[in-house]
Amino acid sequence: MIKINLIREARAARAAGPAGPGIVSQVGAAGPANINNMLIVGLLIAGVVIGGGYWLLKKRALSNKEEQVAARREEAQKLEAIIKEVEDFQRRKENLTKRIELINNLKKNQKGPVRVMDRISQDLPDLVWIDKMALNGANIAVEGRGLNPNAVATFVENIKADPMFDEPEVSQITQEVVATAAKQQITVYKYQMNFNFLYTPPGATPATTPGATPAPGGTPGQ
């Protein structure tokens, strides 16, 4: 025979109270908290995504800037090399120009004395010779001797008539007794004379200058 203690079970049921309403209240209280947590997690995920995208954009922009800087640096290096070549060329050009000027000046300086000697030798008469001649720029100083004063006077007149020389200045003519190789004594006349050499006579052009020769093609040359 089975006995059931209904009194004890009834007491336990009353002590426990109604189960349904308690469970519903707990579920209802947990709902807003879950939604807040989900919103927070979503915001965090969105922030991470936005931050990551911003970081990627900045990284790409920085990479582009670095590429531009590298390209500019390479271009600057090429320009520096070109500038250096231009500077080297300019220095070589200046050195070449100076050498050409030096050569032209040397040619000009050589040409002047040669022309002076040629003209004076043409004007020098017999019985007159030159002991010393100095050329300072265009000024010519001549010292020499002649066997008679007439020969010296002829030399002075030849210089005066030469269109390549201006009016000569004769400082003095003195007599001097000298011994010859045959131990004979003769009287000579010493003279000193100064005059200027005219590279181009007054009123003359290079084509009409005495001693000038036409260059090929009809251009007059010295």
N, C-alpha and C. Protein backbone atom coordinates (compact mmCIF):
# COMPACT_ATOMS: atom_id res chain seq x y z
N MET A 1 0.85 -1.18 0.00
CA MET A 1 0.00 0.00 0.00
C MET A 1 0.90 1.24 0.00
N ILE A 2 0.64 2.20 -0.93
CA ILE A 2 1.47 3.40 -1.11
C ILE A 2 0.79 4.57 -0.44
N LYS A 3 1.64 5.27 0.38
CA LYS A 3 1.11 6.45 1.07
C LYS A 3 1.76 7.69 0.48
N ILE A 4 1.00 8.70 0.20
CA ILE A 4 1.49 9.98 -0.39
C ILE A 4 1.28 11.07 0.64
N ASN A 5 2.34 11.77 0.92
CA ASN A 5 2.29 12.86 1.89
C ASN A 5 1.97 14.14 1.13
N LEU A 6 0.70 14.41 0.98
CA LEU A 6 0.26 15.58 0.22
C LEU A 6 0.46 16.85 0.99
N ILE A 7 0.46 16.78 2.28
CA ILE A 7 0.61 17.99 3.08
C ILE A 7 2.01 18.58 2.88
N ARG A 8 3.04 17.69 2.94
CA ARG A 8 4.42 18.19 2.78
C ARG A 8 4.64 18.78 1.40
N GLU A 9 4.09 18.13 0.37
CA GLU A 9 4.26 18.64 -1.00
C GLU A 9 3.57 19.97 -1.17
N ALA A 10 2.40 20.12 -0.53
CA ALA A 10 1.69 21.39 -0.65
C ALA A 10 2.48 22.51 -0.01
N ARG A 11 3.09 22.23 1.17
CA ARG A 11 3.90 23.23 1.84
C ARG A 11 5.11 23.63 0.98
N ALA A 12 5.74 22.62 0.37
CA ALA A 12 6.90 22.93 -0.47
C ALA A 12 6.51 23.78 -1.66
N ALA A 13 5.31 23.52 -2.21
CA ALA A 13 4.85 24.29 -3.35
C ALA A 13 4.56 25.71 -2.96
N ARG A 14 3.97 25.90 -1.81
CA ARG A 14 3.67 27.25 -1.35
C ARG A 14 4.96 28.01 -1.05
N ALA A 15 5.91 27.25 -0.45
CA ALA A 15 7.18 27.94 -0.14
C ALA A 15 7.91 28.37 -1.41
N ALA A 16 7.84 27.60 -2.43
CA ALA A 16 8.52 27.95 -3.70
C ALA A 16 7.83 29.08 -4.42
N GLY A 17 6.52 29.21 -4.28
CA GLY A 17 5.79 30.26 -4.95
C GLY A 17 5.57 29.93 -6.40
N PRO A 18 4.89 30.79 -7.15
CA PRO A 18 4.63 30.56 -8.60
C PRO A 18 5.90 30.73 -9.43
N ALA A 19 6.21 29.74 -10.25
CA ALA A 19 7.46 29.74 -11.05
C ALA A 19 7.36 30.61 -12.28
N GLY A 20 6.27 30.73 -12.93
CA GLY A 20 6.17 31.42 -14.23
C GLY A 20 6.50 32.87 -14.19
N PRO A 21 5.95 33.64 -13.37
CA PRO A 21 6.24 35.08 -13.36
C PRO A 21 7.67 35.38 -13.05
N GLY A 22 8.35 34.60 -12.19
CA GLY A 22 9.75 34.88 -11.86
C GLY A 22 10.66 34.71 -13.05
N ILE A 23 10.46 33.71 -13.82
CA ILE A 23 11.30 33.47 -15.02
C ILE A 23 11.11 34.56 -16.04
N VAL A 24 9.90 35.02 -16.24
CA VAL A 24 9.63 36.07 -17.23
C VAL A 24 10.31 37.35 -16.82
N SER A 25 10.30 37.66 -15.53
CA SER A 25 10.91 38.92 -15.09
C SER A 25 12.41 38.91 -15.28
N GLN A 26 13.02 37.73 -15.06
CA GLN A 26 14.47 37.65 -15.27
C GLN A 26 14.82 37.83 -16.74
N VAL A 27 14.09 37.23 -17.63
CA VAL A 27 14.36 37.36 -19.08
C VAL A 27 14.15 38.80 -19.52
N GLY A 28 13.07 39.42 -19.00
CA GLY A 28 12.81 40.81 -19.37
C GLY A 28 13.89 41.74 -18.90
N ALA A 29 14.52 41.49 -17.76
CA ALA A 29 15.59 42.36 -17.26
C ALA A 29 16.88 42.18 -18.04
N ALA A 30 17.16 40.99 -18.54
CA ALA A 30 18.41 40.74 -19.27
C ALA A 30 18.35 41.26 -20.71
N GLY A 31 17.23 41.54 -21.28
CA GLY A 31 17.12 41.98 -22.68
C GLY A 31 17.80 43.30 -22.96
N PRO A 32 17.56 44.39 -22.27
CA PRO A 32 18.23 45.67 -22.54
C PRO A 32 19.74 45.61 -22.38
N ALA A 33 20.22 44.85 -21.43
CA ALA A 33 21.68 44.75 -21.23
C ALA A 33 22.34 44.10 -22.43
N ASN A 34 21.72 43.08 -22.99
CA ASN A 34 22.29 42.42 -24.18
C ASN A 34 22.32 43.37 -25.37
N ILE A 35 21.28 44.17 -25.52
CA ILE A 35 21.23 45.12 -26.63
C ILE A 35 22.34 46.16 -26.49
N ASN A 36 22.55 46.64 -25.26
CA ASN A 36 23.62 47.61 -25.03
C ASN A 36 24.99 47.02 -25.34
N ASN A 37 25.17 45.79 -24.88
CA ASN A 37 26.46 45.13 -25.17
C ASN A 37 26.67 44.97 -26.67
N MET A 38 25.60 44.60 -27.39
CA MET A 38 25.71 44.44 -28.84
C MET A 38 26.02 45.78 -29.51
N LEU A 39 25.39 46.84 -29.02
CA LEU A 39 25.68 48.17 -29.59
C LEU A 39 27.13 48.57 -29.35
N ILE A 40 27.61 48.30 -28.12
CA ILE A 40 28.99 48.64 -27.80
C ILE A 40 29.96 47.86 -28.67
N VAL A 41 29.68 46.57 -28.81
CA VAL A 41 30.55 45.73 -29.65
C VAL A 41 30.50 46.21 -31.10
N GLY A 42 29.30 46.57 -31.57
CA GLY A 42 29.18 47.07 -32.94
C GLY A 42 29.94 48.37 -33.15
N LEU A 43 29.82 49.26 -32.15
CA LEU A 43 30.56 50.51 -32.25
C LEU A 43 32.07 50.28 -32.24
N LEU A 44 32.50 49.33 -31.40
CA LEU A 44 33.93 49.01 -31.37
C LEU A 44 34.40 48.45 -32.70
N ILE A 45 33.57 47.56 -33.25
CA ILE A 45 33.94 46.98 -34.56
C ILE A 45 33.96 48.06 -35.64
N ALA A 46 32.96 48.96 -35.62
CA ALA A 46 32.93 50.04 -36.60
C ALA A 46 34.13 50.96 -36.42
N GLY A 47 34.47 51.24 -35.14
CA GLY A 47 35.65 52.09 -34.90
C GLY A 47 36.93 51.45 -35.41
N VAL A 48 37.03 50.13 -35.18
CA VAL A 48 38.23 49.42 -35.68
C VAL A 48 38.28 49.47 -37.20
N VAL A 49 37.12 49.24 -37.82
CA VAL A 49 37.08 49.26 -39.30
C VAL A 49 37.43 50.65 -39.83
N ILE A 50 36.82 51.68 -39.21
CA ILE A 50 37.11 53.05 -39.67
C ILE A 50 38.57 53.40 -39.42
N GLY A 51 39.06 53.06 -38.23
CA GLY A 51 40.46 53.34 -37.94
C GLY A 51 41.40 52.60 -38.87
N GLY A 52 41.07 51.34 -39.14
CA GLY A 52 41.91 50.58 -40.08
C GLY A 52 41.89 51.18 -41.48
N GLY A 53 40.68 51.59 -41.93
CA GLY A 53 40.60 52.22 -43.25
C GLY A 53 41.37 53.52 -43.31
N TYR A 54 41.25 54.34 -42.25
CA TYR A 54 42.00 55.60 -42.19
C TYR A 54 43.50 55.34 -42.18
N TRP A 55 43.91 54.32 -41.44
CA TRP A 55 45.34 53.97 -41.39
C TRP A 55 45.84 53.52 -42.76
N LEU A 56 45.00 52.71 -43.45
CA LEU A 56 45.38 52.27 -44.79
C LEU A 56 45.50 53.45 -45.75
N LEU A 57 44.56 54.41 -45.65
CA LEU A 57 44.63 55.59 -46.52
C LEU A 57 45.88 56.41 -46.23
N LYS A 58 46.17 56.60 -44.95
CA LYS A 58 47.38 57.35 -44.59
C LYS A 58 48.64 56.62 -45.03
N LYS A 59 48.63 55.31 -44.88
CA LYS A 59 49.79 54.53 -45.30
C LYS A 59 49.98 54.63 -46.81
N ARG A 60 48.87 54.56 -47.56
CA ARG A 60 48.98 54.69 -49.01
C ARG A 60 49.45 56.09 -49.40
N ALA A 61 48.92 57.12 -48.72
CA ALA A 61 49.37 58.49 -49.02
C ALA A 61 50.85 58.66 -48.69
N LEU A 62 51.28 58.09 -47.56
CA LEU A 62 52.70 58.16 -47.19
C LEU A 62 53.56 57.43 -48.20
N SER A 63 53.07 56.29 -48.66
CA SER A 63 53.83 55.54 -49.67
C SER A 63 53.94 56.34 -50.97
N ASN A 64 52.84 57.00 -51.36
CA ASN A 64 52.89 57.84 -52.55
C ASN A 64 53.87 58.99 -52.38
N LYS A 65 53.86 59.61 -51.19
CA LYS A 65 54.80 60.71 -50.93
C LYS A 65 56.24 60.21 -50.99
N GLU A 66 56.48 59.03 -50.41
CA GLU A 66 57.84 58.49 -50.45
C GLU A 66 58.27 58.19 -51.88
N GLU A 67 57.35 57.69 -52.69
CA GLU A 67 57.67 57.44 -54.10
C GLU A 67 57.97 58.74 -54.83
N GLN A 68 57.17 59.79 -54.55
CA GLN A 68 57.43 61.09 -55.17
C GLN A 68 58.77 61.65 -54.74
N VAL A 69 59.08 61.52 -53.44
CA VAL A 69 60.37 62.02 -52.94
C VAL A 69 61.51 61.27 -53.59
N ALA A 70 61.37 59.94 -53.72
CA ALA A 70 62.43 59.15 -54.36
C ALA A 70 62.59 59.55 -55.81
N ALA A 71 61.45 59.78 -56.52
CA ALA A 71 61.53 60.21 -57.91
C ALA A 71 62.17 61.58 -58.03
N ARG A 72 61.78 62.51 -57.12
CA ARG A 72 62.40 63.84 -57.15
C ARG A 72 63.89 63.77 -56.84
N ARG A 73 64.27 62.92 -55.89
CA ARG A 73 65.69 62.78 -55.55
C ARG A 73 66.47 62.23 -56.75
N GLU A 74 65.90 61.24 -57.42
CA GLU A 74 66.57 60.69 -58.60
C GLU A 74 66.69 61.73 -59.70
N GLU A 75 65.62 62.52 -59.89
CA GLU A 75 65.67 63.58 -60.90
C GLU A 75 66.70 64.64 -60.53
N ALA A 76 66.77 64.97 -59.21
CA ALA A 76 67.76 65.95 -58.76
C ALA A 76 69.18 65.45 -58.99
N GLN A 77 69.41 64.17 -58.76
CA GLN A 77 70.74 63.60 -59.00
C GLN A 77 71.09 63.68 -60.49
N LYS A 78 70.12 63.39 -61.35
CA LYS A 78 70.37 63.51 -62.79
C LYS A 78 70.68 64.96 -63.17
N LEU A 79 69.90 65.90 -62.59
CA LEU A 79 70.14 67.31 -62.88
C LEU A 79 71.50 67.76 -62.36
N GLU A 80 71.90 67.26 -61.20
CA GLU A 80 73.22 67.61 -60.67
C GLU A 80 74.32 67.12 -61.60
N ALA A 81 74.15 65.91 -62.14
CA ALA A 81 75.14 65.39 -63.08
C ALA A 81 75.20 66.26 -64.34
N ILE A 82 74.02 66.67 -64.83
CA ILE A 82 73.98 67.51 -66.03
C ILE A 82 74.61 68.87 -65.74
N ILE A 83 74.29 69.44 -64.55
CA ILE A 83 74.86 70.74 -64.19
C ILE A 83 76.38 70.64 -64.08
N LYS A 84 76.87 69.55 -63.53
CA LYS A 84 78.32 69.36 -63.42
C LYS A 84 78.96 69.27 -64.79
N GLU A 85 78.30 68.56 -65.71
CA GLU A 85 78.84 68.47 -67.07
C GLU A 85 78.85 69.85 -67.73
N VAL A 86 77.78 70.62 -67.52
CA VAL A 86 77.73 71.97 -68.11
C VAL A 86 78.83 72.85 -67.52
N GLU A 87 79.04 72.76 -66.20
CA GLU A 87 80.11 73.54 -65.57
C GLU A 87 81.48 73.13 -66.09
N ASP A 88 81.70 71.81 -66.26
CA ASP A 88 82.97 71.35 -66.81
C ASP A 88 83.16 71.85 -68.24
N PHE A 89 82.08 71.82 -69.01
CA PHE A 89 82.16 72.32 -70.38
C PHE A 89 82.46 73.81 -70.40
N GLN A 90 81.83 74.55 -69.47
CA GLN A 90 82.06 75.99 -69.40
C GLN A 90 83.52 76.29 -69.04
N ARG A 91 84.06 75.51 -68.09
CA ARG A 91 85.47 75.71 -67.73
C ARG A 91 86.39 75.38 -68.90
N ARG A 92 86.09 74.29 -69.61
CA ARG A 92 86.91 73.95 -70.77
C ARG A 92 86.80 75.02 -71.85
N LYS A 93 85.60 75.57 -72.01
CA LYS A 93 85.41 76.63 -73.00
C LYS A 93 86.20 77.86 -72.63
N GLU A 94 86.15 78.25 -71.33
CA GLU A 94 86.91 79.42 -70.89
C GLU A 94 88.41 79.21 -71.06
N ASN A 95 88.89 78.01 -70.72
CA ASN A 95 90.32 77.72 -70.89
C ASN A 95 90.70 77.78 -72.37
N LEU A 96 89.83 77.22 -73.23
CA LEU A 96 90.11 77.25 -74.66
C LEU A 96 90.11 78.67 -75.19
N THR A 97 89.14 79.48 -74.71
CA THR A 97 89.08 80.88 -75.14
C THR A 97 90.35 81.63 -74.73
N LYS A 98 90.81 81.40 -73.49
CA LYS A 98 92.03 82.06 -73.04
C LYS A 98 93.24 81.62 -73.86
N ARG A 99 93.29 80.33 -74.20
CA ARG A 99 94.40 79.85 -75.03
C ARG A 99 94.37 80.47 -76.42
N ILE A 100 93.16 80.58 -76.98
CA ILE A 100 93.04 81.19 -78.30
C ILE A 100 93.47 82.66 -78.25
N GLU A 101 93.02 83.38 -77.21
CA GLU A 101 93.43 84.79 -77.07
C GLU A 101 94.94 84.90 -76.91
N LEU A 102 95.52 83.99 -76.12
CA LEU A 102 96.98 84.01 -75.93
C LEU A 102 97.71 83.76 -77.24
N ILE A 103 97.22 82.79 -78.00
CA ILE A 103 97.84 82.48 -79.30
C ILE A 103 97.71 83.68 -80.24
N ASN A 104 96.52 84.28 -80.26
CA ASN A 104 96.32 85.45 -81.14
C ASN A 104 97.23 86.61 -80.73
N ASN A 105 97.37 86.81 -79.41
CA ASN A 105 98.26 87.88 -78.95
C ASN A 105 99.71 87.60 -79.31
N LEU A 106 100.10 86.34 -79.17
CA LEU A 106 101.47 85.98 -79.55
C LEU A 106 101.70 86.20 -81.05
N LYS A 107 100.70 85.80 -81.84
CA LYS A 107 100.83 86.01 -83.29
C LYS A 107 100.91 87.50 -83.61
N LYS A 108 100.06 88.28 -82.90
CA LYS A 108 100.07 89.72 -83.15
C LYS A 108 101.40 90.34 -82.74
N ASN A 109 101.90 89.91 -81.57
CA ASN A 109 103.19 90.44 -81.11
C ASN A 109 104.34 90.02 -82.01
N GLN A 110 104.25 88.81 -82.57
CA GLN A 110 105.29 88.37 -83.49
C GLN A 110 105.19 89.09 -84.82
N LYS A 111 103.96 89.37 -85.23
CA LYS A 111 103.77 90.00 -86.52
C LYS A 111 104.30 91.43 -86.52
N GLY A 112 104.10 92.15 -85.39
CA GLY A 112 104.55 93.54 -85.33
C GLY A 112 106.04 93.69 -85.53
N PRO A 113 106.91 93.04 -84.73
CA PRO A 113 108.35 93.17 -84.93
C PRO A 113 108.81 92.74 -86.30
N VAL A 114 108.18 91.69 -86.84
CA VAL A 114 108.58 91.24 -88.18
C VAL A 114 108.29 92.32 -89.21
N ARG A 115 107.13 92.95 -89.12
CA ARG A 115 106.79 94.00 -90.08
C ARG A 115 107.70 95.21 -89.89
N VAL A 116 108.01 95.52 -88.61
CA VAL A 116 108.90 96.66 -88.35
C VAL A 116 110.27 96.43 -88.97
N MET A 117 110.83 95.24 -88.73
CA MET A 117 112.15 94.93 -89.28
C MET A 117 112.12 94.96 -90.81
N ASP A 118 111.03 94.46 -91.37
CA ASP A 118 110.94 94.43 -92.83
C ASP A 118 110.90 95.85 -93.41
N ARG A 119 110.08 96.74 -92.78
CA ARG A 119 109.97 98.09 -93.30
C ARG A 119 111.28 98.87 -93.11
N ILE A 120 111.91 98.72 -91.94
CA ILE A 120 113.16 99.45 -91.69
C ILE A 120 114.27 98.96 -92.61
N SER A 121 114.30 97.68 -92.86
CA SER A 121 115.33 97.16 -93.78
C SER A 121 115.15 97.71 -95.19
N GLN A 122 113.89 97.96 -95.58
CA GLN A 122 113.64 98.55 -96.89
C GLN A 122 114.07 100.02 -96.93
N ASP A 123 113.90 100.71 -95.80
CA ASP A 123 114.25 102.14 -95.75
C ASP A 123 115.73 102.37 -95.46
N LEU A 124 116.46 101.34 -95.06
CA LEU A 124 117.87 101.53 -94.68
C LEU A 124 118.73 101.66 -95.95
N PRO A 125 119.40 102.79 -96.14
CA PRO A 125 120.23 102.98 -97.35
C PRO A 125 121.61 102.35 -97.19
N ASP A 126 122.38 102.38 -98.24
CA ASP A 126 123.76 101.91 -98.17
C ASP A 126 124.58 102.84 -97.27
N LEU A 127 125.63 102.29 -96.73
CA LEU A 127 126.59 103.01 -95.90
C LEU A 127 126.02 103.36 -94.52
N VAL A 128 124.84 102.79 -94.18
CA VAL A 128 124.23 103.02 -92.87
C VAL A 128 123.84 101.65 -92.29
N TRP A 129 124.12 101.49 -91.02
CA TRP A 129 123.71 100.24 -90.37
C TRP A 129 123.14 100.55 -88.99
N ILE A 130 122.48 99.56 -88.45
CA ILE A 130 121.81 99.71 -87.14
C ILE A 130 122.57 98.88 -86.11
N ASP A 131 122.91 99.53 -84.99
CA ASP A 131 123.56 98.82 -83.89
C ASP A 131 122.55 98.30 -82.86
N LYS A 132 121.48 99.05 -82.67
CA LYS A 132 120.52 98.68 -81.63
C LYS A 132 119.15 99.20 -82.02
N MET A 133 118.12 98.37 -81.78
CA MET A 133 116.75 98.79 -82.03
C MET A 133 115.86 98.22 -80.93
N ALA A 134 115.01 99.05 -80.37
CA ALA A 134 114.09 98.63 -79.31
C ALA A 134 112.68 98.99 -79.72
N LEU A 135 111.76 98.02 -79.53
CA LEU A 135 110.35 98.23 -79.85
C LEU A 135 109.54 98.13 -78.57
N ASN A 136 108.95 99.25 -78.17
CA ASN A 136 108.12 99.31 -76.96
C ASN A 136 106.71 99.73 -77.37
N GLY A 137 105.83 98.73 -77.52
CA GLY A 137 104.51 99.03 -78.05
C GLY A 137 104.64 99.43 -79.51
N ALA A 138 104.27 100.67 -79.83
CA ALA A 138 104.42 101.17 -81.19
C ALA A 138 105.63 102.07 -81.34
N ASN A 139 106.31 102.38 -80.23
CA ASN A 139 107.46 103.27 -80.30
C ASN A 139 108.73 102.49 -80.65
N ILE A 140 109.52 103.04 -81.55
CA ILE A 140 110.75 102.41 -82.01
C ILE A 140 111.92 103.35 -81.72
N ALA A 141 112.91 102.80 -81.06
CA ALA A 141 114.14 103.55 -80.78
C ALA A 141 115.29 102.87 -81.53
N VAL A 142 115.98 103.64 -82.38
CA VAL A 142 117.04 103.10 -83.22
C VAL A 142 118.35 103.82 -82.93
N GLU A 143 119.40 103.05 -82.78
CA GLU A 143 120.75 103.59 -82.65
C GLU A 143 121.63 102.90 -83.70
N GLY A 144 122.44 103.69 -84.40
CA GLY A 144 123.30 103.11 -85.42
C GLY A 144 124.40 104.07 -85.86
N ARG A 145 125.04 103.69 -86.95
CA ARG A 145 126.14 104.49 -87.46
C ARG A 145 126.09 104.53 -88.99
N GLY A 146 126.68 105.57 -89.52
CA GLY A 146 126.79 105.72 -90.97
C GLY A 146 128.17 106.24 -91.34
N LEU A 147 128.54 105.95 -92.57
CA LEU A 147 129.88 106.36 -93.00
C LEU A 147 129.95 107.84 -93.34
N ASN A 148 128.81 108.46 -93.61
CA ASN A 148 128.80 109.91 -93.86
C ASN A 148 127.44 110.46 -93.44
N PRO A 149 127.40 111.75 -93.15
CA PRO A 149 126.15 112.34 -92.67
C PRO A 149 125.04 112.32 -93.71
N ASN A 150 125.43 112.36 -94.99
CA ASN A 150 124.40 112.33 -96.03
C ASN A 150 123.63 111.00 -96.02
N ALA A 151 124.35 109.90 -95.79
CA ALA A 151 123.70 108.59 -95.73
C ALA A 151 122.74 108.53 -94.54
N VAL A 152 123.17 109.10 -93.40
CA VAL A 152 122.28 109.13 -92.24
C VAL A 152 121.05 110.00 -92.53
N ALA A 153 121.25 111.12 -93.18
CA ALA A 153 120.13 112.00 -93.52
C ALA A 153 119.17 111.29 -94.48
N THR A 154 119.72 110.50 -95.42
CA THR A 154 118.85 109.74 -96.34
C THR A 154 118.01 108.73 -95.58
N PHE A 155 118.60 108.08 -94.60
CA PHE A 155 117.84 107.13 -93.78
C PHE A 155 116.70 107.84 -93.05
N VAL A 156 116.99 109.00 -92.50
CA VAL A 156 115.95 109.76 -91.80
C VAL A 156 114.83 110.15 -92.76
N GLU A 157 115.18 110.59 -93.96
CA GLU A 157 114.17 110.97 -94.95
C GLU A 157 113.34 109.76 -95.39
N ASN A 158 113.98 108.59 -95.52
CA ASN A 158 113.23 107.38 -95.90
C ASN A 158 112.21 107.01 -94.82
N ILE A 159 112.61 107.13 -93.57
CA ILE A 159 111.66 106.84 -92.48
C ILE A 159 110.52 107.85 -92.50
N LYS A 160 110.86 109.12 -92.74
CA LYS A 160 109.84 110.15 -92.79
C LYS A 160 108.86 109.92 -93.93
N ALA A 161 109.32 109.43 -95.07
CA ALA A 161 108.46 109.22 -96.23
C ALA A 161 107.69 107.90 -96.16
N ASP A 162 108.09 107.00 -95.29
CA ASP A 162 107.42 105.70 -95.21
C ASP A 162 106.05 105.88 -94.56
N PRO A 163 104.96 105.45 -95.19
CA PRO A 163 103.62 105.63 -94.61
C PRO A 163 103.38 104.78 -93.35
N MET A 164 104.27 103.81 -93.11
CA MET A 164 104.10 102.98 -91.92
C MET A 164 104.73 103.59 -90.67
N PHE A 165 105.45 104.72 -90.84
CA PHE A 165 106.08 105.38 -89.69
C PHE A 165 105.63 106.84 -89.65
N ASP A 166 105.60 107.37 -88.43
CA ASP A 166 105.29 108.80 -88.32
C ASP A 166 106.59 109.61 -88.34
N GLU A 167 106.49 110.89 -88.07
CA GLU A 167 107.64 111.79 -88.15
C GLU A 167 108.73 111.35 -87.16
N PRO A 168 109.96 111.06 -87.64
CA PRO A 168 111.03 110.64 -86.72
C PRO A 168 111.63 111.83 -85.98
N GLU A 169 112.14 111.53 -84.81
CA GLU A 169 112.85 112.52 -84.01
C GLU A 169 114.30 112.08 -83.86
N VAL A 170 115.20 112.86 -84.43
CA VAL A 170 116.63 112.55 -84.36
C VAL A 170 117.21 113.33 -83.19
N SER A 171 117.67 112.61 -82.19
CA SER A 171 118.15 113.28 -80.98
C SER A 171 119.54 113.90 -81.20
N GLN A 172 120.43 113.13 -81.84
CA GLN A 172 121.77 113.67 -82.05
C GLN A 172 122.52 112.83 -83.09
N ILE A 173 123.45 113.48 -83.73
CA ILE A 173 124.37 112.81 -84.65
C ILE A 173 125.78 113.25 -84.26
N THR A 174 126.60 112.29 -83.88
CA THR A 174 127.95 112.59 -83.41
C THR A 174 128.98 111.83 -84.23
N GLN A 175 130.17 112.39 -84.26
CA GLN A 175 131.27 111.73 -84.96
C GLN A 175 132.03 110.82 -84.00
N GLU A 176 132.58 109.75 -84.58
CA GLU A 176 133.35 108.80 -83.79
C GLU A 176 134.40 108.16 -84.68
N VAL A 177 135.61 108.06 -84.17
CA VAL A 177 136.70 107.44 -84.91
C VAL A 177 136.82 106.01 -84.41
N VAL A 178 136.78 105.06 -85.36
CA VAL A 178 136.87 103.65 -85.01
C VAL A 178 137.98 103.01 -85.83
N ALA A 179 138.46 101.88 -85.34
CA ALA A 179 139.51 101.14 -86.04
C ALA A 179 138.87 99.98 -86.77
N THR A 180 139.30 99.76 -88.01
CA THR A 180 138.80 98.67 -88.81
C THR A 180 139.61 97.41 -88.56
N ALA A 181 139.21 96.34 -89.21
CA ALA A 181 139.94 95.07 -89.06
C ALA A 181 141.35 95.17 -89.62
N ALA A 182 141.53 96.05 -90.59
CA ALA A 182 142.87 96.26 -91.17
C ALA A 182 143.67 97.28 -90.39
N LYS A 183 143.20 97.58 -89.16
CA LYS A 183 143.88 98.52 -88.28
C LYS A 183 143.96 99.91 -88.89
N GLN A 184 142.91 100.26 -89.62
CA GLN A 184 142.79 101.61 -90.16
C GLN A 184 141.74 102.36 -89.35
N GLN A 185 141.91 103.62 -89.22
CA GLN A 185 140.97 104.44 -88.49
C GLN A 185 140.08 105.20 -89.47
N ILE A 186 138.78 105.10 -89.22
CA ILE A 186 137.82 105.82 -90.07
C ILE A 186 136.86 106.58 -89.17
N THR A 187 136.24 107.58 -89.74
CA THR A 187 135.28 108.39 -88.99
C THR A 187 133.87 107.95 -89.37
N VAL A 188 133.09 107.67 -88.36
CA VAL A 188 131.69 107.29 -88.58
C VAL A 188 130.81 108.29 -87.84
N TYR A 189 129.54 108.27 -88.19
CA TYR A 189 128.57 109.21 -87.62
C TYR A 189 127.48 108.41 -86.87
N LYS A 190 127.48 108.56 -85.58
CA LYS A 190 126.49 107.86 -84.76
C LYS A 190 125.19 108.67 -84.70
N TYR A 191 124.10 107.98 -84.72
CA TYR A 191 122.79 108.65 -84.68
C TYR A 191 121.87 107.91 -83.71
N GLN A 192 120.91 108.63 -83.19
CA GLN A 192 119.82 108.10 -82.37
C GLN A 192 118.51 108.67 -82.88
N MET A 193 117.53 107.80 -83.07
CA MET A 193 116.29 108.24 -83.70
C MET A 193 115.11 107.51 -83.05
N ASN A 194 114.01 108.23 -82.85
CA ASN A 194 112.78 107.67 -82.27
C ASN A 194 111.61 108.00 -83.19
N PHE A 195 110.76 107.02 -83.40
CA PHE A 195 109.54 107.23 -84.20
C PHE A 195 108.56 106.12 -83.84
N ASN A 196 107.32 106.29 -84.30
CA ASN A 196 106.25 105.32 -84.01
C ASN A 196 105.91 104.52 -85.25
N PHE A 197 105.55 103.27 -85.00
CA PHE A 197 105.13 102.37 -86.08
C PHE A 197 103.61 102.41 -86.18
N LEU A 198 103.10 102.71 -87.37
CA LEU A 198 101.65 102.78 -87.60
C LEU A 198 101.21 101.46 -88.22
N TYR A 199 100.50 100.64 -87.41
CA TYR A 199 100.06 99.35 -87.94
C TYR A 199 99.11 99.53 -89.11
N THR A 200 98.33 100.60 -89.07
CA THR A 200 97.48 100.96 -90.20
C THR A 200 97.69 102.44 -90.47
N PRO A 201 98.25 102.82 -91.59
CA PRO A 201 98.51 104.23 -91.87
C PRO A 201 97.22 105.04 -91.86
N PRO A 202 97.31 106.34 -91.55
CA PRO A 202 96.11 107.19 -91.56
C PRO A 202 95.45 107.19 -92.93
N GLY A 203 94.11 106.98 -92.94
CA GLY A 203 93.35 107.00 -94.19
C GLY A 203 93.46 105.73 -94.99
N ALA A 204 94.20 104.72 -94.48
CA ALA A 204 94.36 103.48 -95.23
C ALA A 204 93.50 102.39 -94.62
N THR A 205 93.10 101.45 -95.45
CA THR A 205 92.37 100.27 -95.01
C THR A 205 93.29 99.08 -95.08
N PRO A 206 92.94 97.97 -94.42
CA PRO A 206 93.81 96.79 -94.50
C PRO A 206 94.11 96.36 -95.91
N ALA A 207 93.19 96.62 -96.84
CA ALA A 207 93.44 96.19 -98.22
C ALA A 207 94.50 97.05 -98.89
N THR A 208 94.64 98.34 -98.43
CA THR A 208 95.61 99.23 -99.07
C THR A 208 96.86 99.42 -98.25
N THR A 209 96.93 98.78 -97.06
CA THR A 209 98.10 98.91 -96.21
C THR A 209 99.30 98.27 -96.88
N PRO A 210 100.46 98.96 -96.96
CA PRO A 210 101.64 98.35 -97.57
C PRO A 210 102.03 97.09 -96.84
N GLY A 211 102.32 96.08 -97.63
CA GLY A 211 102.73 94.80 -97.07
C GLY A 211 101.58 93.85 -96.83
N ALA A 212 100.31 94.36 -96.98
CA ALA A 212 99.16 93.49 -96.78
C ALA A 212 98.90 92.68 -98.03
N THR A 213 98.51 91.45 -97.85
CA THR A 213 98.22 90.56 -98.97
C THR A 213 96.80 90.08 -98.86
N PRO A 214 96.06 90.02 -99.97
CA PRO A 214 94.68 89.58 -99.90
C PRO A 214 94.59 88.12 -99.53
N ALA A 215 93.66 87.82 -98.62
CA ALA A 215 93.45 86.44 -98.20
C ALA A 215 92.58 85.74 -99.23
N PRO A 216 92.52 84.41 -99.23
CA PRO A 216 91.66 83.68 -100.17
C PRO A 216 90.23 84.13 -100.05
N GLY A 217 89.58 84.25 -101.17
CA GLY A 217 88.20 84.69 -101.20
C GLY A 217 88.06 86.19 -101.29
N GLY A 218 89.17 86.92 -101.45
CA GLY A 218 89.10 88.36 -101.63
C GLY A 218 89.17 89.13 -100.34
N THR A 219 89.26 88.47 -99.17
CA THR A 219 89.34 89.19 -97.89
C THR A 219 90.74 89.62 -97.64
N PRO A 220 91.01 90.89 -97.38
CA PRO A 220 92.38 91.33 -97.17
C PRO A 220 92.93 90.74 -95.89
N GLY A 221 94.18 90.38 -95.85
CA GLY A 221 94.85 89.83 -94.67
C GLY A 221 96.16 90.47 -94.48
N GLN A 222 96.74 90.27 -93.30
CA GLN A 222 98.03 90.85 -92.97
C GLN A 222 99.13 89.85 -93.27
